Amino acid sequence: MTICRVVSLGIVDYQTGLRLQRQEHDRVLAGDYDGSLILLEHLPVITVGRAGGMENLCHSRETYQQKGVEVICSDRGGNVTCHNPGQLVGYPILNLQKWRQDVHWYVEMLEETIILTLRQFGLRTGRKSRYTGVWLGNKKIAAIGVSVKQWITGHGFALNITNDLNLFNTIVPCGIGEFGITSVSHAGNSASVDQVRNVLREKFMEVFHTSLESYCPNKPV
């Protein structure tokens, strides 16, 4: 069985998350362990993926900055999305050679992990044809955007739990205008980020057939 370590942080800025991903990527590449699962929350930030998305911003960068929201171009897949406190962000850094060298399979497994997690909270979510992510009806509850270098994954998923969804009103999320955005709390469930995180860890082990070893840094890197 593969072994991953879990790196848990609270609320950090996006650049801290990037630095932690790079550190974990180097350790996985060196063979220290098979993978790492970083779980955290981000300060308000809008990220634009490799597919573009600047045209899906409703304001200028200067306006977002005045509101305390960073706008960052990322090397992940996908279009534009938001992160803010109350949203659980997961960055699995996995050596897919230890699992399956198939990016489509990997994305489906991330979706499955989230679907099974939310089922534990009474939410029947699923996939939507032609779109990645996890959906509750016609509203997206979790976005997925990944990168893969030397078969080691980067970036990951963002699951809306208790976060303020008003930030999404300032963009066209993922470049998809015809559907909405929701969260666990908007769906009527009072689960906390910590509660969802704990269940997601269990479902991640189940879906990826791995064991997890906890590691908590004393402070953000």
C-alpha atoms as a PDB file:
ATOM      1  CA  MET A   1       0.000   0.000   0.000  1.00  0.00           C
ATOM      2  CA  THR A   2       1.155   3.538  -0.745  1.00  0.00           C
ATOM      3  CA  ILE A   3       1.906   5.990   2.035  1.00  0.00           C
ATOM      4  CA  CYS A   4       1.085   9.694   1.976  1.00  0.00           C
ATOM      5  CA  ARG A   5       1.545  12.315   4.610  1.00  0.00           C
ATOM      6  CA  VAL A   6      -1.071  14.924   5.443  1.00  0.00           C
ATOM      7  CA  VAL A   7       0.077  18.499   5.901  1.00  0.00           C
ATOM      8  CA  SER A   8      -2.601  20.539   7.683  1.00  0.00           C
ATOM      9  CA  LEU A   9      -2.587  24.312   7.948  1.00  0.00           C
ATOM     10  CA  GLY A  10      -5.187  26.898   8.844  1.00  0.00           C
ATOM     11  CA  ILE A  11      -5.775  30.032   6.788  1.00  0.00           C
ATOM     12  CA  VAL A  12      -2.767  31.080   4.701  1.00  0.00           C
ATOM     13  CA  ASP A  13      -2.132  33.278   1.684  1.00  0.00           C
ATOM     14  CA  TYR A  14      -1.930  31.721  -1.752  1.00  0.00           C
ATOM     15  CA  GLN A  15       1.834  32.147  -2.110  1.00  0.00           C
ATOM     16  CA  THR A  16       2.389  30.166   1.094  1.00  0.00           C
ATOM     17  CA  GLY A  17       0.348  27.359  -0.426  1.00  0.00           C
ATOM     18  CA  LEU A  18       2.487  27.450  -3.555  1.00  0.00           C
ATOM     19  CA  ARG A  19       5.712  27.278  -1.563  1.00  0.00           C
ATOM     20  CA  LEU A  20       4.428  24.329   0.425  1.00  0.00           C
ATOM     21  CA  GLN A  21       3.438  22.542  -2.787  1.00  0.00           C
ATOM     22  CA  ARG A  22       6.937  23.010  -4.189  1.00  0.00           C
ATOM     23  CA  GLN A  23       8.511  21.654  -1.023  1.00  0.00           C
ATOM     24  CA  GLU A  24       6.259  18.607  -0.993  1.00  0.00           C
ATOM     25  CA  HIS A  25       6.822  18.055  -4.736  1.00  0.00           C
ATOM     26  CA  ASP A  26      10.580  17.905  -4.162  1.00  0.00           C
ATOM     27  CA  ARG A  27      10.166  15.405  -1.321  1.00  0.00           C
ATOM     28  CA  VAL A  28       7.864  13.171  -3.337  1.00  0.00           C
ATOM     29  CA  LEU A  29      10.181  13.392  -6.355  1.00  0.00           C
ATOM     30  CA  ALA A  30      13.087  12.357  -4.099  1.00  0.00           C
ATOM     31  CA  GLY A  31      11.123   9.305  -3.011  1.00  0.00           C
ATOM     32  CA  ASP A  32      10.765  10.309   0.649  1.00  0.00           C
ATOM     33  CA  TYR A  33       7.147   9.152   0.411  1.00  0.00           C
ATOM     34  CA  ASP A  34       4.609   8.299  -2.282  1.00  0.00           C
ATOM     35  CA  GLY A  35       2.524  11.426  -1.921  1.00  0.00           C
ATOM     36  CA  SER A  36       1.357  14.274   0.235  1.00  0.00           C
ATOM     37  CA  LEU A  37      -2.084  15.712   0.900  1.00  0.00           C
ATOM     38  CA  ILE A  38      -2.018  19.400   1.824  1.00  0.00           C
ATOM     39  CA  LEU A  39      -5.240  20.677   3.400  1.00  0.00           C
ATOM     40  CA  LEU A  40      -5.719  24.380   4.158  1.00  0.00           C
ATOM     41  CA  GLU A  41      -7.822  27.489   3.660  1.00  0.00           C
ATOM     42  CA  HIS A  42      -6.798  30.595   1.747  1.00  0.00           C
ATOM     43  CA  LEU A  43      -7.132  34.293   2.324  1.00  0.00           C
ATOM     44  CA  PRO A  44      -9.352  35.887  -0.375  1.00  0.00           C
ATOM     45  CA  VAL A  45      -7.777  35.307  -3.776  1.00  0.00           C
ATOM     46  CA  ILE A  46      -8.847  34.866  -7.386  1.00  0.00           C
ATOM     47  CA  THR A  47      -6.729  32.506  -9.472  1.00  0.00           C
ATOM     48  CA  VAL A  48      -6.614  32.199 -13.245  1.00  0.00           C
ATOM     49  CA  GLY A  49      -5.609  28.843 -14.722  1.00  0.00           C
ATOM     50  CA  ARG A  50      -3.758  27.789 -17.856  1.00  0.00           C
ATOM     51  CA  ALA A  51      -6.988  27.895 -19.868  1.00  0.00           C
ATOM     52  CA  GLY A  52      -7.165  31.637 -19.270  1.00  0.00           C
ATOM     53  CA  GLY A  53      -9.994  33.550 -17.709  1.00  0.00           C
ATOM     54  CA  MET A  54      -8.923  37.180 -17.319  1.00  0.00           C
ATOM     55  CA  GLU A  55     -11.925  38.029 -19.489  1.00  0.00           C
ATOM     56  CA  ASN A  56     -14.123  36.406 -16.814  1.00  0.00           C
ATOM     57  CA  LEU A  57     -13.136  38.942 -14.161  1.00  0.00           C
ATOM     58  CA  CYS A  58     -15.872  41.506 -13.558  1.00  0.00           C
ATOM     59  CA  HIS A  59     -13.475  44.120 -12.160  1.00  0.00           C
ATOM     60  CA  SER A  60      -9.962  45.366 -12.784  1.00  0.00           C
ATOM     61  CA  ARG A  61      -7.049  43.981 -10.794  1.00  0.00           C
ATOM     62  CA  GLU A  62      -6.784  47.338  -9.059  1.00  0.00           C
ATOM     63  CA  THR A  63     -10.403  47.144  -7.900  1.00  0.00           C
ATOM     64  CA  TYR A  64      -9.878  43.647  -6.500  1.00  0.00           C
ATOM     65  CA  GLN A  65      -6.723  44.792  -4.714  1.00  0.00           C
ATOM     66  CA  GLN A  66      -8.626  47.682  -3.147  1.00  0.00           C
ATOM     67  CA  LYS A  67     -11.066  45.101  -1.796  1.00  0.00           C
ATOM     68  CA  GLY A  68      -8.220  43.024  -0.352  1.00  0.00           C
ATOM     69  CA  VAL A  69      -8.432  40.287  -2.984  1.00  0.00           C
ATOM     70  CA  GLU A  70      -5.334  39.114  -4.846  1.00  0.00           C
ATOM     71  CA  VAL A  71      -5.523  38.094  -8.520  1.00  0.00           C
ATOM     72  CA  ILE A  72      -2.910  35.465  -9.404  1.00  0.00           C
ATOM     73  CA  CYS A  73      -2.173  33.578 -12.621  1.00  0.00           C
ATOM     74  CA  SER A  74      -1.572  29.898 -11.873  1.00  0.00           C
ATOM     75  CA  ASP A  75      -0.133  26.950 -13.784  1.00  0.00           C
ATOM     76  CA  ARG A  76      -3.069  24.709 -12.833  1.00  0.00           C
ATOM     77  CA  GLY A  77      -5.600  23.517 -15.352  1.00  0.00           C
ATOM     78  CA  GLY A  78      -8.958  25.202 -15.702  1.00  0.00           C
ATOM     79  CA  ASN A  79     -10.214  28.768 -15.859  1.00  0.00           C
ATOM     80  CA  VAL A  80     -10.865  31.341 -13.134  1.00  0.00           C
ATOM     81  CA  THR A  81     -12.010  30.558  -9.587  1.00  0.00           C
ATOM     82  CA  CYS A  82     -12.031  31.974  -6.043  1.00  0.00           C
ATOM     83  CA  HIS A  83     -10.641  30.926  -2.684  1.00  0.00           C
ATOM     84  CA  ASN A  84     -11.531  32.391   0.695  1.00  0.00           C
ATOM     85  CA  PRO A  85     -11.810  31.275   4.336  1.00  0.00           C
ATOM     86  CA  GLY A  86     -14.417  28.590   4.933  1.00  0.00           C
ATOM     87  CA  GLN A  87     -13.461  26.805   1.721  1.00  0.00           C
ATOM     88  CA  LEU A  88     -11.405  23.621   2.132  1.00  0.00           C
ATOM     89  CA  VAL A  89      -8.545  23.590  -0.361  1.00  0.00           C
ATOM     90  CA  GLY A  90      -6.746  20.326  -1.025  1.00  0.00           C
ATOM     91  CA  TYR A  91      -3.414  19.980  -2.819  1.00  0.00           C
ATOM     92  CA  PRO A  92      -2.591  16.288  -3.348  1.00  0.00           C
ATOM     93  CA  ILE A  93       1.043  15.933  -4.388  1.00  0.00           C
ATOM     94  CA  LEU A  94       1.066  12.343  -5.658  1.00  0.00           C
ATOM     95  CA  ASN A  95       3.569  10.352  -7.682  1.00  0.00           C
ATOM     96  CA  LEU A  96       1.087   8.838 -10.132  1.00  0.00           C
ATOM     97  CA  GLN A  97       3.620   6.169 -11.045  1.00  0.00           C
ATOM     98  CA  LYS A  98       2.675   4.664  -7.677  1.00  0.00           C
ATOM     99  CA  TRP A  99      -1.003   4.674  -8.635  1.00  0.00           C
ATOM    100  CA  ARG A 100      -1.945   5.060 -12.291  1.00  0.00           C
ATOM    101  CA  GLN A 101      -0.340   7.235 -14.961  1.00  0.00           C
ATOM    102  CA  ASP A 102      -3.629   8.647 -16.168  1.00  0.00           C
ATOM    103  CA  VAL A 103      -4.618  12.270 -15.528  1.00  0.00           C
ATOM    104  CA  HIS A 104      -8.292  11.695 -16.386  1.00  0.00           C
ATOM    105  CA  TRP A 105      -8.448   8.844 -13.876  1.00  0.00           C
ATOM    106  CA  TYR A 106      -6.791  11.049 -11.263  1.00  0.00           C
ATOM    107  CA  VAL A 107      -9.331  13.864 -11.693  1.00  0.00           C
ATOM    108  CA  GLU A 108     -12.188  11.357 -11.469  1.00  0.00           C
ATOM    109  CA  MET A 109     -10.741  10.003  -8.228  1.00  0.00           C
ATOM    110  CA  LEU A 110     -10.601  13.506  -6.758  1.00  0.00           C
ATOM    111  CA  GLU A 111     -14.237  13.989  -7.726  1.00  0.00           C
ATOM    112  CA  GLU A 112     -15.121  10.627  -6.187  1.00  0.00           C
ATOM    113  CA  THR A 113     -13.363  11.541  -2.943  1.00  0.00           C
ATOM    114  CA  ILE A 114     -15.422  14.711  -2.634  1.00  0.00           C
ATOM    115  CA  ILE A 115     -18.688  13.015  -3.653  1.00  0.00           C
ATOM    116  CA  LEU A 116     -18.230  10.330  -0.989  1.00  0.00           C
ATOM    117  CA  THR A 117     -17.263  12.948   1.594  1.00  0.00           C
ATOM    118  CA  LEU A 118     -20.369  15.040   1.007  1.00  0.00           C
ATOM    119  CA  ARG A 119     -22.573  11.956   1.067  1.00  0.00           C
ATOM    120  CA  GLN A 120     -21.588  11.583   4.729  1.00  0.00           C
ATOM    121  CA  PHE A 121     -23.235  14.955   5.323  1.00  0.00           C
ATOM    122  CA  GLY A 122     -26.441  14.056   3.516  1.00  0.00           C
ATOM    123  CA  LEU A 123     -25.601  15.823   0.257  1.00  0.00           C
ATOM    124  CA  ARG A 124     -26.165  13.853  -2.948  1.00  0.00           C
ATOM    125  CA  THR A 125     -23.671  15.407  -5.299  1.00  0.00           C
ATOM    126  CA  GLY A 126     -22.297  14.161  -8.601  1.00  0.00           C
ATOM    127  CA  ARG A 127     -20.581  14.971 -11.869  1.00  0.00           C
ATOM    128  CA  LYS A 128     -21.841  17.027 -14.794  1.00  0.00           C
ATOM    129  CA  SER A 129     -21.151  16.014 -18.385  1.00  0.00           C
ATOM    130  CA  ARG A 130     -18.449  18.116 -20.068  1.00  0.00           C
ATOM    131  CA  TYR A 131     -17.486  19.871 -16.827  1.00  0.00           C
ATOM    132  CA  THR A 132     -14.992  18.896 -14.154  1.00  0.00           C
ATOM    133  CA  GLY A 133     -15.724  19.371 -10.480  1.00  0.00           C
ATOM    134  CA  VAL A 134     -18.504  18.247  -8.172  1.00  0.00           C
ATOM    135  CA  TRP A 135     -22.054  19.491  -8.554  1.00  0.00           C
ATOM    136  CA  LEU A 136     -25.184  19.733  -6.423  1.00  0.00           C
ATOM    137  CA  GLY A 137     -27.856  19.882  -9.073  1.00  0.00           C
ATOM    138  CA  ASN A 138     -26.890  22.705 -11.404  1.00  0.00           C
ATOM    139  CA  LYS A 139     -24.639  24.391  -8.865  1.00  0.00           C
ATOM    140  CA  LYS A 140     -20.948  23.669  -8.459  1.00  0.00           C
ATOM    141  CA  ILE A 141     -19.872  22.919  -4.908  1.00  0.00           C
ATOM    142  CA  ALA A 142     -16.249  21.945  -5.615  1.00  0.00           C
ATOM    143  CA  ALA A 143     -13.844  23.066  -8.330  1.00  0.00           C
ATOM    144  CA  ILE A 144     -10.903  21.010  -9.563  1.00  0.00           C
ATOM    145  CA  GLY A 145      -7.809  22.260 -11.367  1.00  0.00           C
ATOM    146  CA  VAL A 146      -4.607  20.226 -11.425  1.00  0.00           C
ATOM    147  CA  SER A 147      -1.125  20.161 -12.873  1.00  0.00           C
ATOM    148  CA  VAL A 148       1.097  17.141 -13.534  1.00  0.00           C
ATOM    149  CA  LYS A 149       4.895  17.338 -13.884  1.00  0.00           C
ATOM    150  CA  GLN A 150       7.047  14.220 -14.155  1.00  0.00           C
ATOM    151  CA  TRP A 151       3.885  12.317 -13.160  1.00  0.00           C
ATOM    152  CA  ILE A 152       3.747  14.205  -9.872  1.00  0.00           C
ATOM    153  CA  THR A 153       0.518  16.091  -9.329  1.00  0.00           C
ATOM    154  CA  GLY A 154       0.052  19.665  -8.168  1.00  0.00           C
ATOM    155  CA  HIS A 155      -2.796  22.013  -7.247  1.00  0.00           C
ATOM    156  CA  GLY A 156      -6.069  20.150  -6.684  1.00  0.00           C
ATOM    157  CA  PHE A 157      -9.564  20.988  -5.435  1.00  0.00           C
ATOM    158  CA  ALA A 158     -11.533  23.674  -3.607  1.00  0.00           C
ATOM    159  CA  LEU A 159     -14.650  22.600  -1.701  1.00  0.00           C
ATOM    160  CA  ASN A 160     -17.083  25.313  -0.594  1.00  0.00           C
ATOM    161  CA  ILE A 161     -18.197  24.719   2.992  1.00  0.00           C
ATOM    162  CA  THR A 162     -18.907  27.886   4.990  1.00  0.00           C
ATOM    163  CA  ASN A 163     -17.192  30.482   2.804  1.00  0.00           C
ATOM    164  CA  ASP A 164     -18.790  33.707   1.635  1.00  0.00           C
ATOM    165  CA  LEU A 165     -19.976  33.041  -1.903  1.00  0.00           C
ATOM    166  CA  ASN A 166     -20.346  36.727  -2.768  1.00  0.00           C
ATOM    167  CA  LEU A 167     -16.776  36.734  -4.060  1.00  0.00           C
ATOM    168  CA  PHE A 168     -17.906  34.388  -6.854  1.00  0.00           C
ATOM    169  CA  ASN A 169     -20.343  37.092  -7.988  1.00  0.00           C
ATOM    170  CA  THR A 170     -17.338  39.158  -9.093  1.00  0.00           C
ATOM    171  CA  ILE A 171     -16.211  36.563 -11.667  1.00  0.00           C
ATOM    172  CA  VAL A 172     -17.699  34.099 -14.140  1.00  0.00           C
ATOM    173  CA  PRO A 173     -16.665  30.967 -12.211  1.00  0.00           C
ATOM    174  CA  CYS A 174     -14.671  28.569 -14.390  1.00  0.00           C
ATOM    175  CA  GLY A 175     -15.924  30.569 -17.366  1.00  0.00           C
ATOM    176  CA  ILE A 176     -19.352  28.924 -16.994  1.00  0.00           C
ATOM    177  CA  GLY A 177     -22.114  31.510 -16.940  1.00  0.00           C
ATOM    178  CA  GLU A 178     -25.200  29.317 -17.082  1.00  0.00           C
ATOM    179  CA  PHE A 179     -24.735  27.515 -13.769  1.00  0.00           C
ATOM    180  CA  GLY A 180     -24.392  28.678 -10.185  1.00  0.00           C
ATOM    181  CA  ILE A 181     -22.170  28.134  -7.165  1.00  0.00           C
ATOM    182  CA  THR A 182     -23.194  26.638  -3.833  1.00  0.00           C
ATOM    183  CA  SER A 183     -21.658  25.465  -0.565  1.00  0.00           C
ATOM    184  CA  VAL A 184     -22.308  22.947   2.192  1.00  0.00           C
ATOM    185  CA  SER A 185     -23.852  25.668   4.368  1.00  0.00           C
ATOM    186  CA  HIS A 186     -26.000  27.026   1.523  1.00  0.00           C
ATOM    187  CA  ALA A 187     -27.279  23.484   1.018  1.00  0.00           C
ATOM    188  CA  GLY A 188     -28.601  23.555   4.578  1.00  0.00           C
ATOM    189  CA  ASN A 189     -25.869  21.642   6.408  1.00  0.00           C
ATOM    190  CA  SER A 190     -24.069  23.211   9.369  1.00  0.00           C
ATOM    191  CA  ALA A 191     -20.886  21.113   9.120  1.00  0.00           C
ATOM    192  CA  SER A 192     -17.639  22.934   9.904  1.00  0.00           C
ATOM    193  CA  VAL A 193     -14.488  22.942   7.817  1.00  0.00           C
ATOM    194  CA  ASP A 194     -12.787  20.718  10.412  1.00  0.00           C
ATOM    195  CA  GLN A 195     -15.618  18.175  10.302  1.00  0.00           C
ATOM    196  CA  VAL A 196     -15.518  17.976   6.520  1.00  0.00           C
ATOM    197  CA  ARG A 197     -11.715  17.805   6.525  1.00  0.00           C
ATOM    198  CA  ASN A 198     -11.737  14.799   8.853  1.00  0.00           C
ATOM    199  CA  VAL A 199     -14.194  12.879   6.673  1.00  0.00           C
ATOM    200  CA  LEU A 200     -12.357  13.823   3.484  1.00  0.00           C
ATOM    201  CA  ARG A 201      -9.144  12.367   4.869  1.00  0.00           C
ATOM    202  CA  GLU A 202     -10.892   9.038   5.403  1.00  0.00           C
ATOM    203  CA  LYS A 203     -12.452   9.049   1.943  1.00  0.00           C
ATOM    204  CA  PHE A 204      -9.132  10.000   0.346  1.00  0.00           C
ATOM    205  CA  MET A 205      -7.536   6.924   1.920  1.00  0.00           C
ATOM    206  CA  GLU A 206     -10.438   4.793   0.718  1.00  0.00           C
ATOM    207  CA  VAL A 207     -10.483   6.046  -2.869  1.00  0.00           C
ATOM    208  CA  PHE A 208      -6.714   6.147  -3.388  1.00  0.00           C
ATOM    209  CA  HIS A 209      -6.023   2.959  -1.377  1.00  0.00           C
ATOM    210  CA  THR A 210      -3.363   4.664   0.695  1.00  0.00           C
ATOM    211  CA  SER A 211      -2.473   5.285   4.312  1.00  0.00           C
ATOM    212  CA  LEU A 212      -2.013   8.764   5.735  1.00  0.00           C
ATOM    213  CA  GLU A 213       0.549  10.003   8.213  1.00  0.00           C
ATOM    214  CA  SER A 214      -0.188  13.356   9.828  1.00  0.00           C
ATOM    215  CA  TYR A 215       2.318  16.182   9.803  1.00  0.00           C
ATOM    216  CA  CYS A 216       1.472  19.644  11.168  1.00  0.00           C
ATOM    217  CA  PRO A 217       4.044  22.409  10.651  1.00  0.00           C
ATOM    218  CA  ASN A 218       4.477  24.749  13.604  1.00  0.00           C
ATOM    219  CA  LYS A 219       3.999  27.720  11.305  1.00  0.00           C
ATOM    220  CA  PRO A 220       3.420  28.395   7.605  1.00  0.00           C
ATOM    221  CA  VAL A 221       6.519  27.807   5.497  1.00  0.00           C
END
